[in-house]
Amino acid sequence: MFKNIFIMTTIKLKSPRVTLIPETKQTAYFLIPWLKNKEVMRYVDHEGFGYSLKDEIFDLDFVKKYGWDELHYIILDENKNSIGAVGLEMNSYHKSGEIWILIGEKSAWGKGYGQEAIKILADYFFRKLKYNRLELAVSAEFAKGVAAYKKAGFKVEGILRKAEWDRFGKKFRDQVVMSILKEEWLKKQKLKK
């Protein structure tokens, strides 16, 4: 049996435009307006639509209590405004993880903040935590999201047919499964320098 260790770090992660601060009971309230917005939640594969602050804090406490390896961050822009959230669910035995992101502030859409947040967290995941594989699943209908992940270096692995429920369209949607390996990430970062 392998014991997972809850990782709720106090480490801030930064780039020139984006700062990631740990999600805590004190910062969870940033998420609530976004989780109640249909346009923001349209492509989010998460049951959290309509969550209250109490629900979000319950989730944080649940993760901590039951020892899941997870990182949850609030995304701040260069002006220190909260614009979204990003996180990882990790498997310490397989040295792999699944990343997720939500850019909640519509004024921040299409400006590269999401891609930058993914890059900051992926770099921490591969270089500092020494993990090997990072994956995600994104709605096949969210073409901009698929394109952004490809630009960040993720490769399409396949399609999960009718794998997510579209709560607004009342239908099942396909998901695109994508991943990047540590050696691919490090090579891509080296080429940028």
Protein backbone atom coordinates (compact mmCIF):
# COMPACT_ATOMS: atom_id res chain seq x y z
CA MET A 1 0.00 0.00 0.00
CA PHE A 2 1.29 3.43 -0.93
CA LYS A 3 0.51 6.36 1.26
CA ASN A 4 -0.24 9.66 -0.41
CA ILE A 5 0.93 12.79 1.32
CA PHE A 6 -1.14 15.95 1.09
CA ILE A 7 0.91 18.75 -0.36
CA MET A 8 -0.54 22.18 0.27
CA THR A 9 2.56 24.21 -0.17
CA THR A 10 3.12 27.73 1.04
CA ILE A 11 5.44 28.35 -1.90
CA LYS A 12 4.50 31.14 -4.29
CA LEU A 13 5.35 30.45 -7.91
CA LYS A 14 6.08 33.41 -10.19
CA SER A 15 6.77 34.59 -13.70
CA PRO A 16 7.04 38.20 -14.87
CA ARG A 17 3.25 38.50 -15.37
CA VAL A 18 1.73 35.78 -13.21
CA THR A 19 1.95 34.80 -9.54
CA LEU A 20 0.47 31.58 -8.19
CA ILE A 21 -0.51 31.71 -4.51
CA PRO A 22 -1.71 28.64 -2.60
CA GLU A 23 -5.47 28.27 -2.34
CA THR A 24 -6.43 28.31 1.32
CA LYS A 25 -9.61 28.86 3.28
CA GLN A 26 -8.72 32.56 3.14
CA THR A 27 -8.25 32.68 -0.66
CA ALA A 28 -10.99 30.22 -1.68
CA TYR A 29 -13.55 33.01 -1.87
CA PHE A 30 -11.89 34.23 -5.12
CA LEU A 31 -13.30 31.16 -6.89
CA ILE A 32 -16.95 31.48 -5.94
CA PRO A 33 -18.13 34.09 -8.51
CA TRP A 34 -16.43 32.10 -11.29
CA LEU A 35 -17.95 28.79 -10.18
CA LYS A 36 -21.40 30.38 -10.43
CA ASN A 37 -20.88 31.80 -13.94
CA LYS A 38 -22.22 29.65 -16.80
CA GLU A 39 -19.94 31.21 -19.42
CA VAL A 40 -16.83 30.64 -17.29
CA MET A 41 -17.84 27.06 -16.44
CA ARG A 42 -18.91 26.10 -19.97
CA TYR A 43 -15.91 23.84 -20.71
CA VAL A 44 -14.92 23.02 -17.14
CA ASP A 45 -15.22 19.31 -16.38
CA HIS A 46 -15.98 19.86 -12.71
CA GLU A 47 -19.08 19.37 -10.66
CA GLY A 48 -18.40 22.66 -8.89
CA PHE A 49 -20.82 24.83 -10.87
CA GLY A 50 -22.77 26.78 -8.30
CA TYR A 51 -20.41 25.93 -5.42
CA SER A 52 -20.60 28.09 -2.33
CA LEU A 53 -17.64 29.12 -0.22
CA LYS A 54 -18.68 26.43 2.27
CA ASP A 55 -18.52 23.79 -0.53
CA GLU A 56 -15.06 24.90 -1.65
CA ILE A 57 -13.69 24.90 1.91
CA PHE A 58 -15.21 21.44 2.44
CA ASP A 59 -13.28 20.23 -0.63
CA LEU A 60 -10.01 21.72 0.67
CA ASP A 61 -10.55 20.12 4.08
CA PHE A 62 -11.47 16.78 2.47
CA VAL A 63 -8.26 16.72 0.42
CA LYS A 64 -6.18 17.54 3.49
CA LYS A 65 -7.97 15.07 5.77
CA TYR A 66 -7.71 12.12 3.40
CA GLY A 67 -4.15 12.77 2.30
CA TRP A 68 -4.48 13.37 -1.43
CA ASP A 69 -1.43 14.70 -3.25
CA GLU A 70 -2.81 17.93 -4.65
CA LEU A 71 -1.71 21.48 -5.28
CA HIS A 72 -4.30 24.25 -5.62
CA TYR A 73 -3.28 27.78 -6.59
CA ILE A 74 -5.03 31.09 -7.21
CA ILE A 75 -3.68 32.89 -10.29
CA LEU A 76 -2.82 36.58 -9.88
CA ASP A 77 -1.99 38.87 -12.81
CA GLU A 78 0.82 41.44 -12.83
CA ASN A 79 -1.44 43.87 -10.93
CA LYS A 80 -2.11 41.24 -8.23
CA ASN A 81 -5.73 40.79 -9.32
CA SER A 82 -7.10 37.26 -8.97
CA ILE A 83 -7.97 35.96 -12.44
CA GLY A 84 -8.25 32.19 -12.04
CA ALA A 85 -7.08 28.98 -10.44
CA VAL A 86 -4.78 26.14 -11.42
CA GLY A 87 -3.88 22.87 -9.77
CA LEU A 88 -2.41 19.41 -9.90
CA GLU A 89 -3.56 16.01 -8.74
CA MET A 90 -0.46 13.85 -8.32
CA ASN A 91 0.35 10.16 -8.10
CA SER A 92 3.58 9.89 -6.12
CA TYR A 93 4.10 6.22 -6.96
CA HIS A 94 3.91 6.66 -10.73
CA LYS A 95 5.47 10.15 -10.62
CA SER A 96 2.63 11.48 -12.75
CA GLY A 97 -0.02 14.11 -12.41
CA GLU A 98 -3.08 15.70 -13.94
CA ILE A 99 -3.23 19.47 -14.33
CA TRP A 100 -6.36 21.64 -14.46
CA ILE A 101 -6.95 25.34 -14.94
CA LEU A 102 -9.78 27.85 -14.77
CA ILE A 103 -9.41 31.44 -15.96
CA GLY A 104 -12.42 32.96 -14.27
CA GLU A 105 -12.02 36.62 -15.15
CA LYS A 106 -13.37 37.03 -18.67
CA SER A 107 -11.26 40.18 -19.14
CA ALA A 108 -8.17 37.93 -18.82
CA TRP A 109 -9.27 35.48 -21.54
CA GLY A 110 -7.06 35.23 -24.62
CA LYS A 111 -4.14 37.12 -23.06
CA GLY A 112 -1.86 34.15 -22.36
CA TYR A 113 -2.30 34.10 -18.58
CA GLY A 114 -3.57 30.53 -18.56
CA GLN A 115 -0.70 29.27 -20.65
CA GLU A 116 1.76 31.12 -18.42
CA ALA A 117 0.22 29.64 -15.26
CA ILE A 118 0.40 26.14 -16.78
CA LYS A 119 4.07 26.69 -17.62
CA ILE A 120 4.94 27.90 -14.11
CA LEU A 121 3.23 24.94 -12.45
CA ALA A 122 4.57 22.40 -14.97
CA ASP A 123 8.11 23.67 -14.44
CA TYR A 124 7.72 23.29 -10.67
CA PHE A 125 6.22 19.82 -11.15
CA PHE A 126 9.07 18.56 -13.35
CA ARG A 127 12.12 20.38 -11.96
CA LYS A 128 11.41 20.71 -8.23
CA LEU A 129 9.08 17.80 -7.50
CA LYS A 130 10.92 15.53 -9.99
CA TYR A 131 7.79 14.02 -11.54
CA ASN A 132 7.86 12.38 -14.97
CA ARG A 133 4.49 12.80 -16.72
CA LEU A 134 1.83 15.50 -16.77
CA GLU A 135 -1.55 14.98 -18.40
CA LEU A 136 -4.91 16.65 -18.82
CA ALA A 137 -8.29 16.13 -20.39
CA VAL A 138 -9.97 19.03 -22.16
CA SER A 139 -13.35 19.28 -23.87
CA ALA A 140 -12.95 18.52 -27.58
CA GLU A 141 -15.30 21.46 -28.26
CA PHE A 142 -12.88 23.88 -26.55
CA ALA A 143 -10.61 24.44 -29.57
CA LYS A 144 -8.81 27.43 -28.00
CA GLY A 145 -7.91 25.32 -24.97
CA VAL A 146 -6.59 22.44 -27.09
CA ALA A 147 -4.50 24.91 -29.13
CA ALA A 148 -3.09 26.56 -26.00
CA TYR A 149 -2.04 23.22 -24.52
CA LYS A 150 -0.38 22.22 -27.80
CA LYS A 151 1.52 25.52 -27.79
CA ALA A 152 2.71 24.72 -24.26
CA GLY A 153 4.12 21.41 -25.54
CA PHE A 154 1.36 18.93 -24.70
CA LYS A 155 0.75 16.16 -27.23
CA VAL A 156 -2.64 14.69 -28.07
CA GLU A 157 -2.85 11.07 -26.92
CA GLY A 158 -6.42 10.34 -27.89
CA ILE A 159 -10.11 11.01 -27.53
CA LEU A 160 -12.33 9.86 -24.69
CA ARG A 161 -15.69 9.50 -26.40
CA LYS A 162 -18.64 11.09 -24.62
CA ALA A 163 -16.59 11.25 -21.42
CA GLU A 164 -17.99 14.45 -19.93
CA TRP A 165 -21.48 15.75 -19.30
CA ASP A 166 -22.23 19.22 -20.67
CA ARG A 167 -24.48 20.53 -17.90
CA PHE A 168 -25.63 23.46 -20.03
CA GLY A 169 -26.08 21.76 -23.41
CA LYS A 170 -27.56 18.67 -21.74
CA LYS A 171 -25.42 16.27 -23.76
CA PHE A 172 -22.26 14.20 -23.49
CA ARG A 173 -19.06 15.59 -25.02
CA ASP A 174 -15.77 14.06 -26.09
CA GLN A 175 -12.57 14.90 -24.24
CA VAL A 176 -9.10 15.25 -25.74
CA VAL A 177 -6.42 13.57 -23.60
CA MET A 178 -3.06 15.32 -23.76
CA SER A 179 0.27 14.87 -21.99
CA ILE A 180 3.85 16.01 -21.80
CA LEU A 181 6.82 14.07 -20.40
CA LYS A 182 9.62 15.51 -18.30
CA GLU A 183 12.24 15.06 -21.03
CA GLU A 184 9.97 16.79 -23.56
CA TRP A 185 9.35 19.66 -21.15
CA LEU A 186 13.03 20.15 -20.35
CA LYS A 187 13.99 20.00 -24.04
CA LYS A 188 11.32 22.58 -24.93
CA GLN A 189 12.51 24.93 -22.16
CA LYS A 190 16.14 24.55 -23.21
CA LEU A 191 15.29 25.46 -26.82
CA LYS A 192 13.66 28.69 -25.64
CA LYS A 193 16.87 30.00 -24.08
